[in-house]
Every structure is written in structure tokens, then in C-alpha cells.
Amino acid sequence: KRYRLNPTLPDEEYVSRLAALNPSLDSDALRDLLARLRQREVSES
């Protein structure tokens, strides 16, 4: 939102653009979190 970045971009492109705009961002951690949020089967925990 702060950078007016389109949230519908594919995750890899989104993270790359966000990292370019915000160098303090841990892009690897964000990529990992977004990938885990895309899982099909997860337990409640």
C-alpha cells in the first residue's frame, strides 16, 4: 500500500519490486511466508 504496489502481481515479481522499494525488507522470509500461505493442506496449528 505504501508504495502503491499491485497486490495481484505474482509473488516473485511482487517481492522483487517490494524489495527494490524497501531495501530493509527480508525478501527471502517474505517469499517463504507467501509460499507457505499458498499450501493446499495445512493443520490447524
All heavy atoms as atom14 arrays in JSON, in Angstrom:
{
  "sequence": "KRYRLNPTLPDEEYVSRLAALNPSLDSDALRDLLARLRQREVSES",
  "atom14_mask": [
    [1, 1, 1, 1, 1, 1, 1, 1, 1, 0, 0, 0, 0, 0],
    [1, 1, 1, 1, 1, 1, 1, 1, 1, 1, 1, 0, 0, 0],
    [1, 1, 1, 1, 1, 1, 1, 1, 1, 1, 1, 1, 0, 0],
    [1, 1, 1, 1, 1, 1, 1, 1, 1, 1, 1, 0, 0, 0],
    [1, 1, 1, 1, 1, 1, 1, 1, 0, 0, 0, 0, 0, 0],
    [1, 1, 1, 1, 1, 1, 1, 1, 0, 0, 0, 0, 0, 0],
    [1, 1, 1, 1, 1, 1, 1, 0, 0, 0, 0, 0, 0, 0],
    [1, 1, 1, 1, 1, 1, 1, 0, 0, 0, 0, 0, 0, 0],
    [1, 1, 1, 1, 1, 1, 1, 1, 0, 0, 0, 0, 0, 0],
    [1, 1, 1, 1, 1, 1, 1, 0, 0, 0, 0, 0, 0, 0],
    [1, 1, 1, 1, 1, 1, 1, 1, 0, 0, 0, 0, 0, 0],
    [1, 1, 1, 1, 1, 1, 1, 1, 1, 0, 0, 0, 0, 0],
    [1, 1, 1, 1, 1, 1, 1, 1, 1, 0, 0, 0, 0, 0],
    [1, 1, 1, 1, 1, 1, 1, 1, 1, 1, 1, 1, 0, 0],
    [1, 1, 1, 1, 1, 1, 1, 0, 0, 0, 0, 0, 0, 0],
    [1, 1, 1, 1, 1, 1, 0, 0, 0, 0, 0, 0, 0, 0],
    [1, 1, 1, 1, 1, 1, 1, 1, 1, 1, 1, 0, 0, 0],
    [1, 1, 1, 1, 1, 1, 1, 1, 0, 0, 0, 0, 0, 0],
    [1, 1, 1, 1, 1, 0, 0, 0, 0, 0, 0, 0, 0, 0],
    [1, 1, 1, 1, 1, 0, 0, 0, 0, 0, 0, 0, 0, 0],
    [1, 1, 1, 1, 1, 1, 1, 1, 0, 0, 0, 0, 0, 0],
    [1, 1, 1, 1, 1, 1, 1, 1, 0, 0, 0, 0, 0, 0],
    [1, 1, 1, 1, 1, 1, 1, 0, 0, 0, 0, 0, 0, 0],
    [1, 1, 1, 1, 1, 1, 0, 0, 0, 0, 0, 0, 0, 0],
    [1, 1, 1, 1, 1, 1, 1, 1, 0, 0, 0, 0, 0, 0],
    [1, 1, 1, 1, 1, 1, 1, 1, 0, 0, 0, 0, 0, 0],
    [1, 1, 1, 1, 1, 1, 0, 0, 0, 0, 0, 0, 0, 0],
    [1, 1, 1, 1, 1, 1, 1, 1, 0, 0, 0, 0, 0, 0],
    [1, 1, 1, 1, 1, 0, 0, 0, 0, 0, 0, 0, 0, 0],
    [1, 1, 1, 1, 1, 1, 1, 1, 0, 0, 0, 0, 0, 0],
    [1, 1, 1, 1, 1, 1, 1, 1, 1, 1, 1, 0, 0, 0],
    [1, 1, 1, 1, 1, 1, 1, 1, 0, 0, 0, 0, 0, 0],
    [1, 1, 1, 1, 1, 1, 1, 1, 0, 0, 0, 0, 0, 0],
    [1, 1, 1, 1, 1, 1, 1, 1, 0, 0, 0, 0, 0, 0],
    [1, 1, 1, 1, 1, 0, 0, 0, 0, 0, 0, 0, 0, 0],
    [1, 1, 1, 1, 1, 1, 1, 1, 1, 1, 1, 0, 0, 0],
    [1, 1, 1, 1, 1, 1, 1, 1, 0, 0, 0, 0, 0, 0],
    [1, 1, 1, 1, 1, 1, 1, 1, 1, 1, 1, 0, 0, 0],
    [1, 1, 1, 1, 1, 1, 1, 1, 1, 0, 0, 0, 0, 0],
    [1, 1, 1, 1, 1, 1, 1, 1, 1, 1, 1, 0, 0, 0],
    [1, 1, 1, 1, 1, 1, 1, 1, 1, 0, 0, 0, 0, 0],
    [1, 1, 1, 1, 1, 1, 1, 0, 0, 0, 0, 0, 0, 0],
    [1, 1, 1, 1, 1, 1, 0, 0, 0, 0, 0, 0, 0, 0],
    [1, 1, 1, 1, 1, 1, 1, 1, 1, 0, 0, 0, 0, 0],
    [1, 1, 1, 1, 1, 1, 0, 0, 0, 0, 0, 0, 0, 0]
  ],
  "atom14_positions": [
    [[0.82, -1.22, 0.0], [0.0, 0.0, 0.0], [0.86, 1.27, 0.0], [0.58, 2.2, -0.76], [-0.93, -0.01, 1.21], [-1.87, 1.15, 1.26], [-2.81, 1.02, 2.44], [-3.8, 2.15, 2.47], [-4.73, 2.02, 3.61], [0.0, 0.0, 0.0], [0.0, 0.0, 0.0], [0.0, 0.0, 0.0], [0.0, 0.0, 0.0], [0.0, 0.0, 0.0]],
    [[1.87, 1.29, 0.82], [2.73, 2.47, 0.93], [3.37, 2.83, -0.4], [3.58, 4.0, -0.72], [3.8, 2.19, 1.97], [4.77, 3.3, 2.14], [5.78, 2.95, 3.2], [6.58, 4.09, 3.54], [7.53, 4.09, 4.43], [7.8, 2.99, 5.09], [8.22, 5.17, 4.67], [0.0, 0.0, 0.0], [0.0, 0.0, 0.0], [0.0, 0.0, 0.0]],
    [[3.7, 1.81, -1.2], [4.39, 2.03, -2.47], [3.46, 1.93, -3.67], [3.92, 1.95, -4.81], [5.52, 1.0, -2.62], [6.46, 1.01, -1.44], [6.41, 0.02, -0.48], [7.39, 2.04, -1.28], [7.28, 0.03, 0.61], [8.25, 2.07, -0.2], [8.18, 1.06, 0.74], [9.03, 1.07, 1.82], [0.0, 0.0, 0.0], [0.0, 0.0, 0.0]],
    [[2.18, 1.78, -3.38], [1.16, 1.62, -4.44], [1.51, 0.45, -5.36], [1.42, 0.53, -6.58], [0.99, 2.9, -5.23], [0.48, 4.02, -4.36], [0.31, 5.3, -5.12], [0.04, 6.36, -4.17], [-0.92, 7.22, -4.32], [-1.7, 7.17, -5.36], [-1.11, 8.15, -3.42], [0.0, 0.0, 0.0], [0.0, 0.0, 0.0], [0.0, 0.0, 0.0]],
    [[1.89, -0.63, -4.73], [2.28, -1.84, -5.45], [1.06, -2.73, -5.6], [0.31, -2.95, -4.64], [3.37, -2.56, -4.65], [4.15, -3.65, -5.33], [4.83, -3.13, -6.59], [5.21, -4.18, -4.38], [0.0, 0.0, 0.0], [0.0, 0.0, 0.0], [0.0, 0.0, 0.0], [0.0, 0.0, 0.0], [0.0, 0.0, 0.0], [0.0, 0.0, 0.0]],
    [[0.84, -3.24, -6.79], [-0.33, -4.05, -7.09], [-0.24, -5.4, -6.36], [0.64, -6.21, -6.66], [-0.41, -4.28, -8.6], [-1.63, -5.05, -9.01], [-2.4, -5.53, -8.19], [-1.82, -5.17, -10.31], [0.0, 0.0, 0.0], [0.0, 0.0, 0.0], [0.0, 0.0, 0.0], [0.0, 0.0, 0.0], [0.0, 0.0, 0.0], [0.0, 0.0, 0.0]],
    [[-1.16, -5.69, -5.43], [-1.09, -6.95, -4.67], [-1.45, -8.18, -5.48], [-1.25, -9.31, -5.03], [-2.08, -6.73, -3.52], [-3.02, -5.7, -4.02], [-2.24, -4.84, -4.97], [0.0, 0.0, 0.0], [0.0, 0.0, 0.0], [0.0, 0.0, 0.0], [0.0, 0.0, 0.0], [0.0, 0.0, 0.0], [0.0, 0.0, 0.0], [0.0, 0.0, 0.0]],
    [[-1.96, -7.99, -6.69], [-2.33, -9.14, -7.51], [-1.17, -9.64, -8.37], [-1.32, -10.62, -9.1], [-3.54, -8.82, -8.41], [-3.19, -7.77, -9.3], [-4.75, -8.43, -7.58], [0.0, 0.0, 0.0], [0.0, 0.0, 0.0], [0.0, 0.0, 0.0], [0.0, 0.0, 0.0], [0.0, 0.0, 0.0], [0.0, 0.0, 0.0], [0.0, 0.0, 0.0]],
    [[-0.02, -8.98, -8.28], [1.15, -9.44, -9.01], [1.54, -10.84, -8.52], [1.31, -11.17, -7.37], [2.34, -8.5, -8.77], [2.29, -7.13, -9.4], [3.43, -6.26, -8.88], [2.39, -7.26, -10.92], [0.0, 0.0, 0.0], [0.0, 0.0, 0.0], [0.0, 0.0, 0.0], [0.0, 0.0, 0.0], [0.0, 0.0, 0.0], [0.0, 0.0, 0.0]],
    [[2.16, -11.64, -9.38], [2.68, -12.93, -8.91], [3.67, -12.69, -7.76], [4.37, -11.67, -7.73], [3.4, -13.49, -10.14], [2.8, -12.78, -11.3], [2.38, -11.43, -10.81], [0.0, 0.0, 0.0], [0.0, 0.0, 0.0], [0.0, 0.0, 0.0], [0.0, 0.0, 0.0], [0.0, 0.0, 0.0], [0.0, 0.0, 0.0], [0.0, 0.0, 0.0]],
    [[3.72, -13.62, -6.83], [4.51, -13.43, -5.61], [5.96, -13.06, -5.88], [6.5, -12.15, -5.25], [4.45, -14.68, -4.74], [3.08, -14.89, -4.13], [2.25, -13.96, -4.18], [2.85, -15.99, -3.59], [0.0, 0.0, 0.0], [0.0, 0.0, 0.0], [0.0, 0.0, 0.0], [0.0, 0.0, 0.0], [0.0, 0.0, 0.0], [0.0, 0.0, 0.0]],
    [[6.6, -13.75, -6.81], [8.02, -13.5, -7.08], [8.24, -12.06, -7.57], [9.12, -11.35, -7.09], [8.55, -14.5, -8.1], [10.03, -14.42, -8.31], [10.83, -14.7, -7.05], [10.45, -15.58, -6.27], [11.85, -14.01, -6.85], [0.0, 0.0, 0.0], [0.0, 0.0, 0.0], [0.0, 0.0, 0.0], [0.0, 0.0, 0.0], [0.0, 0.0, 0.0]],
    [[7.41, -11.63, -8.5], [7.52, -10.27, -9.01], [7.18, -9.25, -7.93], [7.85, -8.21, -7.8], [6.6, -10.09, -10.22], [6.7, -8.73, -10.86], [5.78, -8.57, -12.07], [5.16, -9.57, -12.5], [5.68, -7.44, -12.56], [0.0, 0.0, 0.0], [0.0, 0.0, 0.0], [0.0, 0.0, 0.0], [0.0, 0.0, 0.0], [0.0, 0.0, 0.0]],
    [[6.16, -9.54, -7.16], [5.74, -8.65, -6.08], [6.87, -8.45, -5.08], [7.21, -7.31, -4.73], [4.5, -9.24, -5.38], [4.01, -8.42, -4.24], [3.11, -7.38, -4.44], [4.43, -8.67, -2.94], [2.66, -6.62, -3.38], [3.98, -7.91, -1.88], [3.1, -6.88, -2.11], [2.66, -6.12, -1.05], [0.0, 0.0, 0.0], [0.0, 0.0, 0.0]],
    [[7.48, -9.54, -4.63], [8.56, -9.45, -3.64], [9.77, -8.73, -4.23], [10.38, -7.91, -3.55], [8.94, -10.85, -3.11], [10.17, -10.77, -2.22], [7.77, -11.47, -2.35], [0.0, 0.0, 0.0], [0.0, 0.0, 0.0], [0.0, 0.0, 0.0], [0.0, 0.0, 0.0], [0.0, 0.0, 0.0], [0.0, 0.0, 0.0], [0.0, 0.0, 0.0]],
    [[10.09, -9.0, -5.48], [11.23, -8.32, -6.12], [11.0, -6.81, -6.17], [11.91, -6.03, -5.85], [11.44, -8.86, -7.53], [11.8, -10.2, -7.48], [0.0, 0.0, 0.0], [0.0, 0.0, 0.0], [0.0, 0.0, 0.0], [0.0, 0.0, 0.0], [0.0, 0.0, 0.0], [0.0, 0.0, 0.0], [0.0, 0.0, 0.0], [0.0, 0.0, 0.0]],
    [[9.83, -6.41, -6.59], [9.52, -4.97, -6.66], [9.51, -4.33, -5.27], [10.02, -3.23, -5.09], [8.18, -4.74, -7.34], [8.22, -4.98, -8.82], [6.92, -4.56, -9.45], [6.88, -4.86, -10.86], [5.91, -4.46, -11.66], [4.9, -3.75, -11.18], [5.94, -4.76, -12.94], [0.0, 0.0, 0.0], [0.0, 0.0, 0.0], [0.0, 0.0, 0.0]],
    [[8.92, -5.03, -4.31], [8.86, -4.5, -2.96], [10.25, -4.38, -2.36], [10.56, -3.38, -1.7], [7.97, -5.39, -2.08], [7.65, -4.88, -0.7], [6.93, -3.53, -0.76], [6.79, -5.89, 0.05], [0.0, 0.0, 0.0], [0.0, 0.0, 0.0], [0.0, 0.0, 0.0], [0.0, 0.0, 0.0], [0.0, 0.0, 0.0], [0.0, 0.0, 0.0]],
    [[11.11, -5.37, -2.6], [12.48, -5.32, -2.09], [13.26, -4.17, -2.72], [14.11, -3.55, -2.06], [13.18, -6.64, -2.36], [0.0, 0.0, 0.0], [0.0, 0.0, 0.0], [0.0, 0.0, 0.0], [0.0, 0.0, 0.0], [0.0, 0.0, 0.0], [0.0, 0.0, 0.0], [0.0, 0.0, 0.0], [0.0, 0.0, 0.0], [0.0, 0.0, 0.0]],
    [[12.99, -3.86, -3.98], [13.66, -2.74, -4.64], [13.24, -1.41, -4.02], [14.04, -0.48, -3.92], [13.35, -2.74, -6.13], [0.0, 0.0, 0.0], [0.0, 0.0, 0.0], [0.0, 0.0, 0.0], [0.0, 0.0, 0.0], [0.0, 0.0, 0.0], [0.0, 0.0, 0.0], [0.0, 0.0, 0.0], [0.0, 0.0, 0.0], [0.0, 0.0, 0.0]],
    [[11.99, -1.34, -3.58], [11.47, -0.11, -2.97], [11.78, -0.01, -1.47], [11.84, 1.08, -0.92], [9.95, -0.03, -3.17], [9.5, 0.08, -4.63], [8.0, -0.17, -4.74], [9.85, 1.45, -5.19], [0.0, 0.0, 0.0], [0.0, 0.0, 0.0], [0.0, 0.0, 0.0], [0.0, 0.0, 0.0], [0.0, 0.0, 0.0], [0.0, 0.0, 0.0]],
    [[11.96, -1.16, -0.83], [12.21, -1.2, 0.61], [13.4, -2.12, 0.87], [13.22, -3.31, 1.13], [10.97, -1.7, 1.34], [11.14, -1.73, 2.84], [12.18, -1.41, 3.36], [10.09, -2.13, 3.52], [0.0, 0.0, 0.0], [0.0, 0.0, 0.0], [0.0, 0.0, 0.0], [0.0, 0.0, 0.0], [0.0, 0.0, 0.0], [0.0, 0.0, 0.0]],
    [[14.61, -1.59, 0.84], [15.81, -2.42, 1.0], [15.91, -3.13, 2.35], [16.61, -4.12, 2.47], [16.97, -1.44, 0.83], [16.39, -0.21, 0.26], [14.94, -0.21, 0.59], [0.0, 0.0, 0.0], [0.0, 0.0, 0.0], [0.0, 0.0, 0.0], [0.0, 0.0, 0.0], [0.0, 0.0, 0.0], [0.0, 0.0, 0.0], [0.0, 0.0, 0.0]],
    [[15.23, -2.66, 3.37], [15.3, -3.29, 4.68], [14.43, -4.55, 4.77], [14.49, -5.28, 5.76], [14.89, -2.31, 5.78], [13.52, -1.99, 5.65], [0.0, 0.0, 0.0], [0.0, 0.0, 0.0], [0.0, 0.0, 0.0], [0.0, 0.0, 0.0], [0.0, 0.0, 0.0], [0.0, 0.0, 0.0], [0.0, 0.0, 0.0], [0.0, 0.0, 0.0]],
    [[13.66, -4.83, 3.75], [12.77, -5.98, 3.72], [13.57, -7.28, 3.61], [14.48, -7.37, 2.79], [11.8, -5.87, 2.54], [10.84, -7.02, 2.33], [9.74, -6.99, 3.37], [10.25, -6.97, 0.94], [0.0, 0.0, 0.0], [0.0, 0.0, 0.0], [0.0, 0.0, 0.0], [0.0, 0.0, 0.0], [0.0, 0.0, 0.0], [0.0, 0.0, 0.0]],
    [[13.21, -8.26, 4.42], [13.8, -9.6, 4.3], [13.02, -10.34, 3.23], [12.02, -11.0, 3.5], [13.74, -10.32, 5.65], [14.43, -11.67, 5.62], [14.83, -12.13, 4.53], [14.55, -12.28, 6.7], [0.0, 0.0, 0.0], [0.0, 0.0, 0.0], [0.0, 0.0, 0.0], [0.0, 0.0, 0.0], [0.0, 0.0, 0.0], [0.0, 0.0, 0.0]],
    [[13.47, -10.23, 1.99], [12.71, -10.76, 0.86], [12.63, -12.28, 0.89], [11.61, -12.85, 0.5], [13.29, -10.27, -0.46], [14.64, -10.61, -0.56], [0.0, 0.0, 0.0], [0.0, 0.0, 0.0], [0.0, 0.0, 0.0], [0.0, 0.0, 0.0], [0.0, 0.0, 0.0], [0.0, 0.0, 0.0], [0.0, 0.0, 0.0], [0.0, 0.0, 0.0]],
    [[13.67, -12.96, 1.36], [13.62, -14.42, 1.43], [12.56, -14.9, 2.42], [11.82, -15.84, 2.14], [14.99, -14.99, 1.82], [16.03, -14.79, 0.73], [15.64, -14.72, -0.46], [17.22, -14.71, 1.06], [0.0, 0.0, 0.0], [0.0, 0.0, 0.0], [0.0, 0.0, 0.0], [0.0, 0.0, 0.0], [0.0, 0.0, 0.0], [0.0, 0.0, 0.0]],
    [[12.48, -14.23, 3.56], [11.47, -14.59, 4.56], [10.06, -14.33, 4.02], [9.15, -15.13, 4.25], [11.7, -13.82, 5.85], [0.0, 0.0, 0.0], [0.0, 0.0, 0.0], [0.0, 0.0, 0.0], [0.0, 0.0, 0.0], [0.0, 0.0, 0.0], [0.0, 0.0, 0.0], [0.0, 0.0, 0.0], [0.0, 0.0, 0.0], [0.0, 0.0, 0.0]],
    [[9.88, -13.22, 3.3], [8.57, -12.92, 2.74], [8.19, -13.93, 1.66], [7.05, -14.4, 1.62], [8.54, -11.49, 2.17], [7.22, -11.05, 1.56], [6.06, -11.16, 2.57], [7.32, -9.63, 1.03], [0.0, 0.0, 0.0], [0.0, 0.0, 0.0], [0.0, 0.0, 0.0], [0.0, 0.0, 0.0], [0.0, 0.0, 0.0], [0.0, 0.0, 0.0]],
    [[9.12, -14.28, 0.8], [8.85, -15.32, -0.22], [8.43, -16.63, 0.43], [7.48, -17.28, 0.0], [10.09, -15.55, -1.08], [10.28, -14.58, -2.18], [11.44, -15.0, -3.09], [11.78, -13.91, -3.96], [12.73, -12.99, -3.7], [13.44, -13.07, -2.6], [12.97, -12.02, -4.55], [0.0, 0.0, 0.0], [0.0, 0.0, 0.0], [0.0, 0.0, 0.0]],
    [[9.15, -17.0, 1.48], [8.84, -18.24, 2.19], [7.45, -18.19, 2.81], [6.67, -19.14, 2.7], [9.9, -18.5, 3.26], [9.62, -19.76, 4.04], [9.55, -20.84, 3.42], [9.47, -19.67, 5.28], [0.0, 0.0, 0.0], [0.0, 0.0, 0.0], [0.0, 0.0, 0.0], [0.0, 0.0, 0.0], [0.0, 0.0, 0.0], [0.0, 0.0, 0.0]],
    [[7.13, -17.08, 3.45], [5.82, -16.94, 4.08], [4.7, -16.99, 3.04], [3.7, -17.69, 3.22], [5.74, -15.63, 4.88], [4.42, -15.33, 5.57], [4.01, -16.45, 6.52], [4.5, -14.01, 6.31], [0.0, 0.0, 0.0], [0.0, 0.0, 0.0], [0.0, 0.0, 0.0], [0.0, 0.0, 0.0], [0.0, 0.0, 0.0], [0.0, 0.0, 0.0]],
    [[4.87, -16.29, 1.93], [3.85, -16.3, 0.88], [3.68, -17.71, 0.3], [2.56, -18.13, 0.01], [4.19, -15.3, -0.22], [4.07, -13.83, 0.16], [4.62, -12.94, -0.94], [2.63, -13.47, 0.48], [0.0, 0.0, 0.0], [0.0, 0.0, 0.0], [0.0, 0.0, 0.0], [0.0, 0.0, 0.0], [0.0, 0.0, 0.0], [0.0, 0.0, 0.0]],
    [[4.77, -18.45, 0.16], [4.68, -19.82, -0.34], [3.94, -20.71, 0.64], [3.1, -21.53, 0.25], [6.08, -20.37, -0.6], [0.0, 0.0, 0.0], [0.0, 0.0, 0.0], [0.0, 0.0, 0.0], [0.0, 0.0, 0.0], [0.0, 0.0, 0.0], [0.0, 0.0, 0.0], [0.0, 0.0, 0.0], [0.0, 0.0, 0.0], [0.0, 0.0, 0.0]],
    [[4.22, -20.54, 1.93], [3.52, -21.36, 2.93], [2.05, -20.99, 3.03], [1.21, -21.84, 3.33], [4.21, -21.23, 4.29], [5.57, -21.95, 4.29], [6.24, -21.92, 5.64], [6.64, -20.56, 5.97], [6.51, -20.03, 7.18], [6.0, -20.72, 8.17], [6.9, -18.79, 7.41], [0.0, 0.0, 0.0], [0.0, 0.0, 0.0], [0.0, 0.0, 0.0]],
    [[1.71, -19.75, 2.74], [0.3, -19.33, 2.74], [-0.47, -19.9, 1.54], [-1.69, -19.9, 1.54], [0.18, -17.81, 2.76], [0.54, -17.13, 4.08], [0.66, -15.62, 3.89], [-0.48, -17.45, 5.16], [0.0, 0.0, 0.0], [0.0, 0.0, 0.0], [0.0, 0.0, 0.0], [0.0, 0.0, 0.0], [0.0, 0.0, 0.0], [0.0, 0.0, 0.0]],
    [[0.25, -20.36, 0.53], [-0.39, -20.95, -0.65], [-0.6, -22.46, -0.52], [-1.14, -23.08, -1.43], [0.46, -20.68, -1.9], [0.33, -19.3, -2.45], [0.92, -19.19, -3.85], [2.19, -19.87, -3.99], [3.39, -19.3, -3.85], [3.47, -18.04, -3.55], [4.49, -20.0, -4.02], [0.0, 0.0, 0.0], [0.0, 0.0, 0.0], [0.0, 0.0, 0.0]],
    [[-0.16, -23.06, 0.56], [-0.3, -24.51, 0.72], [-1.76, -24.93, 0.62], [-2.66, -24.2, 1.03], [0.23, -24.93, 2.09], [1.7, -24.75, 2.28], [2.1, -25.19, 3.66], [2.17, -26.37, 3.92], [2.33, -24.23, 4.54], [0.0, 0.0, 0.0], [0.0, 0.0, 0.0], [0.0, 0.0, 0.0], [0.0, 0.0, 0.0], [0.0, 0.0, 0.0]],
    [[-1.96, -26.12, 0.11], [-3.33, -26.64, -0.02], [-3.81, -27.3, 1.27], [-4.94, -27.14, 1.65], [-3.4, -27.64, -1.17], [-3.21, -27.0, -2.52], [-3.81, -27.87, -3.61], [-3.72, -27.22, -4.9], [-4.62, -26.37, -5.35], [-5.65, -26.05, -4.64], [-4.47, -25.83, -6.55], [0.0, 0.0, 0.0], [0.0, 0.0, 0.0], [0.0, 0.0, 0.0]],
    [[-2.95, -28.05, 1.9], [-3.33, -28.76, 3.12], [-2.46, -28.28, 4.28], [-1.25, -28.41, 4.24], [-3.14, -30.27, 2.94], [-3.99, -30.86, 1.85], [-5.47, -30.81, 2.15], [-5.85, -30.96, 3.33], [-6.26, -30.6, 1.21], [0.0, 0.0, 0.0], [0.0, 0.0, 0.0], [0.0, 0.0, 0.0], [0.0, 0.0, 0.0], [0.0, 0.0, 0.0]],
    [[-3.1, -27.73, 5.29], [-2.39, -27.31, 6.49], [-3.18, -27.75, 7.71], [-4.42, -27.83, 7.67], [-2.17, -25.78, 6.55], [-1.24, -25.31, 5.47], [-3.47, -25.04, 6.5], [0.0, 0.0, 0.0], [0.0, 0.0, 0.0], [0.0, 0.0, 0.0], [0.0, 0.0, 0.0], [0.0, 0.0, 0.0], [0.0, 0.0, 0.0], [0.0, 0.0, 0.0]],
    [[-2.47, -28.01, 8.77], [-3.14, -28.35, 10.03], [-3.62, -27.07, 10.7], [-3.21, -25.96, 10.33], [-2.19, -29.11, 10.94], [-1.16, -28.24, 11.39], [0.0, 0.0, 0.0], [0.0, 0.0, 0.0], [0.0, 0.0, 0.0], [0.0, 0.0, 0.0], [0.0, 0.0, 0.0], [0.0, 0.0, 0.0], [0.0, 0.0, 0.0], [0.0, 0.0, 0.0]],
    [[-4.44, -27.24, 11.69], [-4.93, -26.06, 12.41], [-3.8, -25.34, 13.11], [-3.74, -24.11, 13.12], [-6.01, -26.47, 13.41], [-6.7, -25.29, 14.03], [-7.95, -25.67, 14.78], [-8.65, -26.61, 14.37], [-8.24, -25.02, 15.8], [0.0, 0.0, 0.0], [0.0, 0.0, 0.0], [0.0, 0.0, 0.0], [0.0, 0.0, 0.0], [0.0, 0.0, 0.0]],
    [[-2.86, -26.09, 13.68], [-1.73, -25.45, 14.37], [-0.84, -24.7, 13.38], [-0.33, -23.62, 13.69], [-0.93, -26.47, 15.16], [-0.39, -27.45, 14.32], [0.0, 0.0, 0.0], [0.0, 0.0, 0.0], [0.0, 0.0, 0.0], [0.0, 0.0, 0.0], [0.0, 0.0, 0.0], [0.0, 0.0, 0.0], [0.0, 0.0, 0.0], [0.0, 0.0, 0.0]]
  ]
}
